[in-house]
Amino acid sequence: MINVGIGTTRLILGDEGNKIDGIGVYTKHLTESLITQGQLVTPFAFLGSKQVESQNITALGDFSYQAIFSAMTQAPFINSKKIDKAVDVFHATDHFIPKLHKTPVIATIMDSMTLSHPEWARGRGRKTKAYFFKQSAKWAQQVITISEYSANEINHYFDIPESKISVIPLGVDESCYQKIPDFHKQQVLARYNLPENYFINIGTIQPRKNIQRLIAAHKQLPLLTQEQHPLVLIGTMGWGSEDLKERIKTSEHIYYLDYIPLKDKYALLQSSIALVFPSLYEGFGLPILEAFAANIPVISSKTTSIPEVAGGAALLINPLDECELTDAMYEISLNNKLRIALKIKGLKRAKQFSWAKTAEKTQQVYYKI
């Protein structure tokens, strides 16, 4: 059996701050599923030894310095030998893609947003970061991405041939399916001082998530509907969200929660009337599948990868049209038959995805390379 090195930098950084992002979630679930299936896995992280001590993870030092060195000299990473001696294949799951001397590299690239939509990337040094990201992607012998949409974008913006790109969708945490008892949901709602039957949005608050329009669309609902079905936003405040903080604070019928534990997230999902996810750009859109598994309806965008992932099980809208979004929320609030139909379709769709399937398909790429 081959030994696979897994990059865990983003996972560790997120774990330290108790704020694991989508890439960290992917690394966590993929690694756990690989181990369950008997795959030999060795974790690495581009961090200092003090940051990973007592975690049985090999520290590889600063990534940026080594990436700049390799991009300028075409030489392998300075710590390449640590990986070469330990594993047969290295899987960069988190966009920290090294140039290695002997070991083949597989890189998971979620999307091409930093190149295709630089206006939605962090402003400081974004052009430089995009340049080095594109360079490092070419160090991989094979790229894994999470949707056909992303595969086409990566082929175009990264200049990576289709033959080097494998599409492997994300999975759904089995915990999403577990029906949470009413008494526990009530405890969670009381903890966060929330009512029931709200519209919910989950994800880091940043420009591409389209939260400004979501708030505006909710405010266009009849006042009674706003009172009966307020809007709950869950996610850390990302870059470019400064103006939103004040707007959320001064808005009636809108609740904001920062990062919360997974168990609480699932309870809050199951206490909502619908997930509203009008994102402008997604490489996949994992909250959609989580909502399907939690058996709640979904309103989302008919753009980028979302129709591919939703598979006809969500109510899709133009994310640039506030009135269309308002109409969709109003229709969901009134139409019980529609809610039931979407729940049935969504649950059926969610069961087509699992982390076990993701791991199985990923192993096939390991052995192929």
Protein backbone atom coordinates (compact mmCIF):
# COMPACT_ATOMS: atom_id res chain seq x y z
CA MET A 1 0.00 0.00 0.00
CA ILE A 2 1.23 3.48 -0.80
CA ASN A 3 1.77 6.09 1.90
CA VAL A 4 0.02 9.38 1.15
CA GLY A 5 1.18 12.69 2.59
CA ILE A 6 -1.68 15.08 3.37
CA GLY A 7 -1.30 18.84 3.68
CA THR A 8 -3.09 19.97 6.85
CA THR A 9 -1.99 23.61 7.15
CA ARG A 10 -5.42 25.23 6.78
CA LEU A 11 -7.02 22.63 9.03
CA ILE A 12 -4.54 23.27 11.85
CA LEU A 13 -4.77 27.06 11.54
CA GLY A 14 -8.57 26.85 11.63
CA ASP A 15 -8.54 24.45 14.56
CA GLU A 16 -6.30 26.77 16.55
CA GLY A 17 -8.81 29.59 16.23
CA ASN A 18 -11.83 27.27 16.45
CA LYS A 19 -12.82 28.51 12.98
CA ILE A 20 -12.38 25.72 10.44
CA ASP A 21 -13.22 26.96 6.94
CA GLY A 22 -14.52 24.97 3.96
CA ILE A 23 -11.05 23.80 2.94
CA GLY A 24 -10.36 22.69 6.51
CA VAL A 25 -13.65 20.76 6.58
CA TYR A 26 -12.67 19.05 3.32
CA THR A 27 -9.23 18.07 4.67
CA LYS A 28 -10.72 16.78 7.93
CA HIS A 29 -13.45 14.62 6.41
CA LEU A 30 -11.31 13.34 3.54
CA THR A 31 -8.48 12.32 5.88
CA GLU A 32 -10.83 10.59 8.31
CA SER A 33 -12.54 8.69 5.48
CA LEU A 34 -9.23 7.64 3.93
CA ILE A 35 -8.04 6.25 7.26
CA THR A 36 -11.36 4.43 7.76
CA GLN A 37 -10.86 2.80 4.36
CA GLY A 38 -7.40 1.59 5.37
CA GLN A 39 -5.32 4.17 3.53
CA LEU A 40 -1.94 4.94 5.08
CA VAL A 41 -1.81 8.72 5.69
CA THR A 42 1.00 10.95 6.95
CA PRO A 43 0.08 14.56 7.82
CA PHE A 44 2.31 17.56 7.04
CA ALA A 45 1.89 21.28 7.62
CA PHE A 46 3.68 24.38 6.37
CA LEU A 47 4.11 25.69 9.89
CA GLY A 48 6.82 25.92 12.52
CA SER A 49 7.59 22.93 14.74
CA LYS A 50 6.10 24.66 17.81
CA GLN A 51 2.73 24.98 16.05
CA VAL A 52 2.44 21.25 15.42
CA GLU A 53 4.23 19.78 18.42
CA SER A 54 2.40 16.91 20.14
CA GLN A 55 0.15 16.49 17.04
CA ASN A 56 2.24 13.85 15.20
CA ILE A 57 2.47 16.20 12.20
CA THR A 58 5.69 16.98 10.34
CA ALA A 59 6.43 20.71 10.23
CA LEU A 60 7.63 22.02 6.86
CA GLY A 61 8.31 25.64 7.74
CA ASP A 62 7.09 28.79 6.01
CA PHE A 63 5.29 28.12 2.71
CA SER A 64 5.58 31.59 1.14
CA TYR A 65 9.37 31.75 1.41
CA GLN A 66 9.82 28.30 -0.15
CA ALA A 67 7.26 29.00 -2.91
CA ILE A 68 9.01 32.23 -3.92
CA PHE A 69 12.39 30.46 -3.89
CA SER A 70 11.10 27.61 -6.07
CA ALA A 71 9.26 29.91 -8.48
CA MET A 72 12.43 31.95 -9.04
CA THR A 73 14.95 29.09 -9.22
CA GLN A 74 12.78 26.14 -10.39
CA ALA A 75 14.43 24.18 -7.55
CA PRO A 76 12.38 21.96 -5.22
CA PHE A 77 11.17 23.29 -1.88
CA ILE A 78 13.91 23.52 0.73
CA ASN A 79 12.09 20.95 2.89
CA SER A 80 11.29 18.68 -0.04
CA LYS A 81 13.47 15.86 1.33
CA LYS A 82 11.29 15.55 4.46
CA ILE A 83 8.37 14.62 2.22
CA ASP A 84 10.38 12.54 -0.27
CA LYS A 85 11.72 10.29 2.49
CA ALA A 86 8.34 9.71 4.14
CA VAL A 87 5.66 9.21 1.48
CA ASP A 88 4.93 7.97 -2.04
CA VAL A 89 2.44 10.69 -3.01
CA PHE A 90 1.75 14.14 -1.57
CA HIS A 91 -1.81 15.52 -1.61
CA ALA A 92 -2.01 19.29 -1.15
CA THR A 93 -5.62 19.50 -0.01
CA ASP A 94 -5.52 23.16 1.03
CA HIS A 95 -3.92 25.24 -1.77
CA PHE A 96 -0.44 24.97 -0.16
CA ILE A 97 1.09 23.21 -3.18
CA PRO A 98 4.84 22.41 -2.94
CA LYS A 99 7.38 21.73 -5.66
CA LEU A 100 9.00 18.42 -4.72
CA HIS A 101 12.12 16.65 -5.95
CA LYS A 102 10.91 13.04 -6.23
CA THR A 103 7.40 12.74 -4.84
CA PRO A 104 4.46 13.28 -7.22
CA VAL A 105 2.05 15.99 -6.08
CA ILE A 106 -1.74 16.00 -6.31
CA ALA A 107 -3.41 19.33 -5.59
CA THR A 108 -7.02 20.00 -4.73
CA ILE A 109 -8.05 23.38 -6.15
CA MET A 110 -11.55 24.34 -5.11
CA ASP A 111 -12.10 27.08 -7.66
CA SER A 112 -10.40 29.74 -9.80
CA MET A 113 -11.84 32.78 -8.02
CA THR A 114 -8.50 34.46 -7.27
CA LEU A 115 -7.80 34.55 -11.02
CA SER A 116 -11.29 34.82 -12.53
CA HIS A 117 -12.70 37.30 -10.00
CA PRO A 118 -9.83 39.10 -8.26
CA GLU A 119 -12.30 41.72 -6.98
CA TRP A 120 -13.65 39.07 -4.57
CA ALA A 121 -10.22 38.09 -3.23
CA ARG A 122 -8.49 39.80 -0.33
CA GLY A 123 -7.23 43.16 -1.54
CA ARG A 124 -3.77 43.24 -0.02
CA GLY A 125 -1.23 41.57 -2.32
CA ARG A 126 -3.93 39.71 -4.21
CA LYS A 127 -2.20 39.98 -7.60
CA THR A 128 1.02 38.57 -6.20
CA LYS A 129 -0.83 35.78 -4.39
CA ALA A 130 -2.77 34.93 -7.56
CA TYR A 131 0.47 34.77 -9.57
CA PHE A 132 2.15 32.37 -7.13
CA PHE A 133 -1.01 30.29 -6.79
CA LYS A 134 -1.08 29.80 -10.55
CA GLN A 135 2.63 28.93 -10.56
CA SER A 136 2.32 26.45 -7.71
CA ALA A 137 -0.68 24.74 -9.36
CA LYS A 138 1.59 23.79 -12.25
CA TRP A 139 3.88 21.91 -9.83
CA ALA A 140 1.14 19.31 -9.35
CA GLN A 141 1.10 16.22 -11.57
CA GLN A 142 -2.68 15.99 -11.12
CA VAL A 143 -5.36 18.42 -9.96
CA ILE A 144 -8.52 17.41 -8.12
CA THR A 145 -11.44 19.82 -8.14
CA ILE A 146 -14.98 19.64 -6.80
CA SER A 147 -17.32 20.38 -9.72
CA GLU A 148 -17.39 20.35 -13.51
CA TYR A 149 -17.82 24.12 -13.37
CA SER A 150 -14.57 24.49 -11.42
CA ALA A 151 -12.79 22.07 -13.76
CA ASN A 152 -13.64 24.24 -16.77
CA GLU A 153 -12.57 27.38 -14.92
CA ILE A 154 -9.26 25.84 -13.81
CA ASN A 155 -8.55 24.62 -17.33
CA HIS A 156 -9.11 28.17 -18.62
CA TYR A 157 -7.56 30.38 -15.93
CA PHE A 158 -4.73 28.12 -14.72
CA ASP A 159 -3.87 26.79 -18.20
CA ILE A 160 -4.00 23.24 -16.87
CA PRO A 161 -4.98 20.56 -19.44
CA GLU A 162 -8.27 18.72 -18.96
CA SER A 163 -6.32 15.44 -18.85
CA LYS A 164 -4.68 16.57 -15.59
CA ILE A 165 -7.95 17.50 -13.85
CA SER A 166 -10.15 15.04 -11.93
CA VAL A 167 -13.59 16.07 -10.69
CA ILE A 168 -14.46 14.60 -7.28
CA PRO A 169 -17.46 16.17 -5.49
CA LEU A 170 -17.51 16.88 -1.78
CA GLY A 171 -19.45 14.76 0.70
CA VAL A 172 -22.05 15.32 3.39
CA ASP A 173 -21.38 14.85 7.09
CA GLU A 174 -23.57 11.98 8.30
CA SER A 175 -24.45 14.07 11.37
CA CYS A 176 -26.52 16.34 9.10
CA TYR A 177 -29.06 13.55 8.62
CA GLN A 178 -29.65 12.89 12.32
CA LYS A 179 -32.95 14.39 13.42
CA ILE A 180 -32.29 16.52 16.46
CA PRO A 181 -34.89 16.16 19.26
CA ASP A 182 -37.20 19.15 19.73
CA PHE A 183 -36.09 19.72 23.33
CA HIS A 184 -32.46 20.00 22.20
CA LYS A 185 -33.35 22.40 19.40
CA GLN A 186 -35.21 24.54 21.94
CA GLN A 187 -32.13 24.58 24.17
CA VAL A 188 -29.94 25.74 21.28
CA LEU A 189 -32.44 28.41 20.21
CA ALA A 190 -32.60 29.70 23.80
CA ARG A 191 -28.79 29.76 24.01
CA TYR A 192 -28.59 32.09 21.00
CA ASN A 193 -31.83 33.95 21.81
CA LEU A 194 -33.45 32.99 18.51
CA PRO A 195 -37.08 32.37 17.49
CA GLU A 196 -38.14 29.43 15.29
CA ASN A 197 -38.87 29.23 11.55
CA TYR A 198 -36.33 31.78 10.40
CA PHE A 199 -34.55 31.99 7.07
CA ILE A 200 -30.93 30.95 7.54
CA ASN A 201 -27.70 31.71 5.68
CA ILE A 202 -24.42 29.94 6.49
CA GLY A 203 -20.93 30.94 5.34
CA THR A 204 -18.14 33.45 5.82
CA ILE A 205 -19.47 37.00 5.44
CA GLN A 206 -17.64 38.37 2.38
CA PRO A 207 -18.61 40.21 -0.86
CA ARG A 208 -19.18 37.17 -3.08
CA LYS A 209 -21.70 35.73 -0.60
CA ASN A 210 -24.11 38.54 -1.60
CA ILE A 211 -25.29 39.26 1.95
CA GLN A 212 -26.06 42.92 1.19
CA ARG A 213 -28.71 41.87 -1.35
CA LEU A 214 -30.00 39.13 0.92
CA ILE A 215 -30.63 41.66 3.70
CA ALA A 216 -32.26 44.08 1.26
CA ALA A 217 -34.47 41.31 -0.17
CA HIS A 218 -35.57 40.23 3.30
CA LYS A 219 -36.48 43.82 4.15
CA GLN A 220 -38.78 43.90 1.12
CA LEU A 221 -40.91 41.10 2.58
CA PRO A 222 -44.22 42.12 4.21
CA LEU A 223 -43.57 43.19 7.79
CA LEU A 224 -45.59 40.30 9.21
CA THR A 225 -43.49 37.82 7.18
CA GLN A 226 -40.27 39.45 8.46
CA GLU A 227 -41.55 39.09 12.03
CA GLN A 228 -42.63 35.47 11.57
CA HIS A 229 -39.55 34.50 9.55
CA PRO A 230 -36.54 36.67 10.50
CA LEU A 231 -33.14 36.22 8.89
CA VAL A 232 -30.31 34.46 10.75
CA LEU A 233 -26.76 34.88 9.41
CA ILE A 234 -24.14 32.41 10.63
CA GLY A 235 -20.45 32.83 9.78
CA THR A 236 -17.32 34.73 10.64
CA MET A 237 -16.91 38.27 9.36
CA GLY A 238 -14.46 38.00 6.48
CA TRP A 239 -12.68 40.73 4.55
CA GLY A 240 -14.82 43.48 3.04
CA SER A 241 -17.60 43.03 5.60
CA GLU A 242 -17.00 46.18 7.66
CA ASP A 243 -20.06 48.05 6.36
CA LEU A 244 -22.26 45.02 6.93
CA LYS A 245 -21.48 44.83 10.65
CA GLU A 246 -23.19 48.12 11.36
CA ARG A 247 -26.07 47.40 9.02
CA ILE A 248 -26.77 44.08 10.73
CA LYS A 249 -26.64 45.71 14.16
CA THR A 250 -29.22 48.34 13.21
CA SER A 251 -31.55 46.02 11.26
CA GLU A 252 -34.73 44.65 12.75
CA HIS A 253 -35.58 40.98 12.27
CA ILE A 254 -31.96 40.07 11.47
CA TYR A 255 -29.78 38.00 13.80
CA TYR A 256 -26.05 37.46 13.43
CA LEU A 257 -24.05 34.60 14.94
CA ASP A 258 -20.30 34.16 14.59
CA TYR A 259 -18.70 30.74 14.16
CA ILE A 260 -20.64 28.10 16.14
CA PRO A 261 -20.04 24.41 16.99
CA LEU A 262 -21.17 21.84 14.41
CA LYS A 263 -23.84 20.32 16.69
CA ASP A 264 -25.38 23.74 17.19
CA LYS A 265 -25.21 24.46 13.46
CA TYR A 266 -27.19 21.33 12.62
CA ALA A 267 -29.78 22.17 15.30
CA LEU A 268 -30.13 25.68 13.92
CA LEU A 269 -30.43 24.36 10.35
CA GLN A 270 -33.24 22.01 11.38
CA SER A 271 -35.05 24.85 13.20
CA SER A 272 -35.19 27.05 10.09
CA ILE A 273 -37.85 27.37 7.41
CA ALA A 274 -35.25 27.42 4.59
CA LEU A 275 -31.61 28.00 3.74
CA VAL A 276 -31.18 31.12 1.60
CA PHE A 277 -27.85 30.98 -0.22
CA PRO A 278 -27.73 33.65 -2.97
CA SER A 279 -23.97 33.44 -3.51
CA LEU A 280 -22.46 35.11 -6.57
CA TYR A 281 -19.70 32.51 -6.93
CA GLU A 282 -19.20 28.97 -5.63
CA GLY A 283 -16.84 26.20 -6.60
CA PHE A 284 -19.35 23.82 -5.00
CA GLY A 285 -21.63 25.21 -2.27
CA LEU A 286 -21.47 22.66 0.58
CA PRO A 287 -24.12 24.41 2.76
CA ILE A 288 -26.68 23.47 0.08
CA LEU A 289 -26.03 19.75 0.58
CA GLU A 290 -25.98 20.18 4.36
CA ALA A 291 -29.41 21.81 4.19
CA PHE A 292 -30.71 19.02 1.93
CA ALA A 293 -29.47 16.44 4.44
CA ALA A 294 -31.02 18.41 7.31
CA ASN A 295 -34.31 18.16 5.38
CA ILE A 296 -34.97 21.86 4.88
CA PRO A 297 -35.78 23.67 1.60
CA VAL A 298 -33.09 25.66 -0.21
CA ILE A 299 -33.24 28.92 -2.13
CA SER A 300 -30.02 29.51 -4.04
CA SER A 301 -28.41 31.04 -7.13
CA LYS A 302 -28.68 29.74 -10.66
CA THR A 303 -25.05 30.62 -11.34
CA THR A 304 -21.57 29.00 -11.31
CA SER A 305 -21.52 25.48 -9.80
CA ILE A 306 -24.74 25.74 -7.81
CA PRO A 307 -27.23 24.27 -10.36
CA GLU A 308 -24.82 21.36 -10.86
CA VAL A 309 -24.72 20.63 -7.12
CA ALA A 310 -28.40 21.33 -6.40
CA GLY A 311 -29.46 18.97 -9.19
CA GLY A 312 -32.97 20.40 -9.52
CA ALA A 313 -33.72 20.09 -5.79
CA ALA A 314 -33.48 23.78 -4.88
CA LEU A 315 -35.47 26.90 -5.78
CA LEU A 316 -32.97 28.77 -7.97
CA ILE A 317 -32.99 32.54 -8.49
CA ASN A 318 -30.96 35.28 -10.15
CA PRO A 319 -28.70 36.44 -7.27
CA LEU A 320 -28.50 39.96 -8.73
CA ASP A 321 -32.29 40.42 -8.63
CA GLU A 322 -33.45 41.41 -5.12
CA CYS A 323 -37.12 41.23 -6.10
CA GLU A 324 -36.74 37.67 -7.37
CA LEU A 325 -35.07 36.69 -4.11
CA THR A 326 -37.83 38.38 -2.09
CA ASP A 327 -40.50 36.57 -4.13
CA ALA A 328 -38.79 33.21 -3.53
CA MET A 329 -38.67 33.73 0.25
CA TYR A 330 -42.29 34.90 0.30
CA GLU A 331 -43.37 31.86 -1.74
CA ILE A 332 -41.53 29.50 0.61
CA SER A 333 -43.14 31.16 3.64
CA LEU A 334 -46.67 30.63 2.25
CA ASN A 335 -46.51 27.43 0.22
CA ASN A 336 -46.33 24.35 2.42
CA LYS A 337 -46.66 21.99 -0.58
CA LEU A 338 -43.60 23.58 -2.18
CA ARG A 339 -41.61 23.23 1.05
CA ILE A 340 -42.49 19.55 1.33
CA ALA A 341 -41.63 18.89 -2.33
CA LEU A 342 -38.25 20.60 -1.97
CA LYS A 343 -37.48 18.66 1.21
CA ILE A 344 -38.14 15.34 -0.54
CA LYS A 345 -36.04 16.29 -3.57
CA GLY A 346 -33.25 17.69 -1.41
CA LEU A 347 -32.92 14.63 0.81
CA LYS A 348 -32.80 12.38 -2.26
CA ARG A 349 -30.13 14.58 -3.81
CA ALA A 350 -27.98 14.71 -0.65
CA LYS A 351 -27.80 10.91 -0.48
CA GLN A 352 -25.91 10.89 -3.78
CA PHE A 353 -22.93 12.47 -1.97
CA SER A 354 -20.78 11.09 0.86
CA TRP A 355 -17.26 11.55 2.20
CA ALA A 356 -16.73 7.82 1.72
CA LYS A 357 -17.34 8.22 -2.03
CA THR A 358 -15.04 11.26 -2.07
CA ALA A 359 -12.27 9.23 -0.41
CA GLU A 360 -12.73 6.23 -2.72
CA LYS A 361 -12.46 8.38 -5.85
CA THR A 362 -9.49 10.25 -4.39
CA GLN A 363 -7.65 6.98 -3.73
CA GLN A 364 -8.11 6.09 -7.40
CA VAL A 365 -6.22 9.25 -8.30
CA TYR A 366 -3.41 8.36 -5.86
CA TYR A 367 -2.90 4.98 -7.49
CA LYS A 368 -3.23 6.40 -10.98
CA ILE A 369 -0.47 8.96 -10.35
